[in-house]
Amino acid sequence: MRNLLLILFLLYGSISIYAILPVRCPSNLPIFCKCENQMEKFRVTCHNESNLNVILSSIDPEDTIDKLEIHNCVPKVKKLQVLPPMKVKSLTIDGCGIEEVDENAWNNVYLEL
């Protein structure tokens, strides 16, 4: 019984410590992306020759992104398909040649307000 209580105490303590640690920027972001760490989320800005699919696949769906900006995609994306699961407060996709958006494009995007 004493061992069980000790294990539960240690587990609770490690979860509490983990909860206050700042979120880290994804390590596999493309080199043309800049990431700023914040306490519980981060901001990502990608410019020039940004491959939309590469950027989106480098983001962990469990992370909360305060702001994601993607500018001047290469290759251009004519039709925005369904985006992968992500939690984002503000999303900007600009200069990427988007002419059409799939009706389900935003189904996996969870807006964190």
Protein backbone atom coordinates (compact mmCIF):
# COMPACT_ATOMS: atom_id res chain seq x y z
CA MET A 1 0.00 0.00 0.00
CA ARG A 2 2.81 2.40 0.92
CA ASN A 3 4.55 1.68 -2.41
CA LEU A 4 1.34 2.38 -4.31
CA LEU A 5 0.93 5.74 -2.55
CA LEU A 6 4.55 6.62 -3.32
CA ILE A 7 4.10 5.76 -7.00
CA LEU A 8 0.90 7.80 -7.22
CA PHE A 9 2.61 10.76 -5.53
CA LEU A 10 5.57 10.61 -7.90
CA LEU A 11 3.29 10.26 -10.91
CA TYR A 12 1.19 13.25 -9.83
CA GLY A 13 4.30 15.33 -9.21
CA SER A 14 5.76 14.56 -12.62
CA ILE A 15 2.48 15.41 -14.34
CA SER A 16 2.27 18.71 -12.47
CA ILE A 17 5.84 19.63 -13.40
CA TYR A 18 5.23 18.66 -17.03
CA ALA A 19 2.13 20.85 -17.15
CA ILE A 20 4.09 24.01 -16.34
CA LEU A 21 6.98 23.42 -18.75
CA PRO A 22 6.88 25.60 -21.88
CA VAL A 23 5.93 24.03 -25.18
CA ARG A 24 8.87 23.62 -27.53
CA CYS A 25 8.87 24.44 -31.22
CA PRO A 26 8.74 21.39 -33.49
CA SER A 27 12.27 20.21 -34.23
CA ASN A 28 11.43 19.13 -37.78
CA LEU A 29 10.11 22.46 -39.12
CA PRO A 30 11.51 23.37 -42.54
CA ILE A 31 14.50 25.74 -42.48
CA PHE A 32 12.50 28.60 -43.99
CA CYS A 33 10.15 28.62 -40.99
CA LYS A 34 10.71 30.68 -37.87
CA CYS A 35 9.25 29.51 -34.57
CA GLU A 36 8.82 31.49 -31.36
CA ASN A 37 8.30 29.59 -28.11
CA GLN A 38 5.72 30.86 -25.66
CA MET A 39 4.64 29.39 -22.33
CA GLU A 40 1.87 27.01 -23.45
CA LYS A 41 1.99 27.45 -27.22
CA PHE A 42 4.15 28.78 -30.02
CA ARG A 43 4.03 30.87 -33.20
CA VAL A 44 5.26 29.69 -36.59
CA THR A 45 5.93 31.89 -39.62
CA CYS A 46 7.04 30.40 -42.95
CA HIS A 47 8.12 32.55 -45.92
CA ASN A 48 9.27 31.98 -49.49
CA GLU A 49 9.30 28.52 -50.98
CA SER A 50 7.14 27.17 -48.18
CA ASN A 51 5.80 23.73 -49.06
CA LEU A 52 2.37 23.68 -47.43
CA ASN A 53 2.25 19.89 -47.01
CA VAL A 54 5.74 19.69 -45.48
CA ILE A 55 4.94 22.45 -43.00
CA LEU A 56 1.62 20.99 -41.94
CA SER A 57 3.04 17.48 -41.56
CA SER A 58 5.79 18.79 -39.25
CA ILE A 59 3.28 20.03 -36.67
CA ASP A 60 2.24 17.75 -33.82
CA PRO A 61 -1.59 17.67 -33.64
CA GLU A 62 -1.36 17.80 -29.83
CA ASP A 63 0.51 21.13 -29.81
CA THR A 64 -1.40 24.39 -29.49
CA ILE A 65 -0.26 26.96 -32.02
CA ASP A 66 -1.00 30.58 -31.22
CA LYS A 67 -0.38 31.78 -34.76
CA LEU A 68 0.57 29.90 -37.95
CA GLU A 69 1.48 31.99 -40.99
CA ILE A 70 2.42 30.42 -44.32
CA HIS A 71 3.41 32.75 -47.18
CA ASN A 72 4.31 32.16 -50.84
CA CYS A 73 3.94 28.38 -51.10
CA VAL A 74 6.02 26.38 -53.56
CA PRO A 75 4.52 24.49 -55.21
CA LYS A 76 1.33 26.55 -55.52
CA VAL A 77 -1.81 24.89 -54.19
CA LYS A 78 -4.80 25.32 -56.52
CA LYS A 79 -7.25 23.51 -54.24
CA LEU A 80 -6.89 23.46 -50.49
CA GLN A 81 -7.68 19.91 -49.40
CA VAL A 82 -8.61 18.68 -45.92
CA LEU A 83 -5.96 19.91 -43.50
CA PRO A 84 -4.37 17.50 -41.01
CA PRO A 85 -5.46 17.62 -37.36
CA MET A 86 -4.08 20.66 -35.55
CA LYS A 87 -4.94 23.12 -32.78
CA VAL A 88 -4.46 26.69 -33.92
CA LYS A 89 -5.76 30.06 -32.78
CA SER A 90 -4.91 32.02 -35.96
CA LEU A 91 -4.07 30.57 -39.38
CA THR A 92 -2.90 32.60 -42.39
CA ILE A 93 -2.18 31.01 -45.77
CA ASP A 94 -1.16 33.77 -48.18
CA GLY A 95 0.34 33.89 -51.67
CA CYS A 96 -0.12 30.16 -52.18
CA GLY A 97 -2.30 30.32 -55.31
CA ILE A 98 -5.40 28.87 -53.64
CA GLU A 99 -8.40 29.16 -55.96
CA GLU A 100 -10.70 26.61 -54.36
CA VAL A 101 -11.22 25.28 -50.84
CA ASP A 102 -12.58 21.79 -50.16
CA GLU A 103 -15.81 22.02 -48.16
CA ASN A 104 -14.22 19.80 -45.48
CA ALA A 105 -10.85 21.58 -45.42
CA TRP A 106 -11.27 22.82 -41.85
CA ASN A 107 -12.81 19.68 -40.29
CA ASN A 108 -9.59 18.70 -38.47
CA VAL A 109 -8.59 22.21 -37.41
CA TYR A 110 -9.49 22.88 -33.80
CA LEU A 111 -9.61 26.58 -33.08
CA GLU A 112 -8.15 27.25 -29.66
CA LEU A 113 -9.60 30.47 -28.32
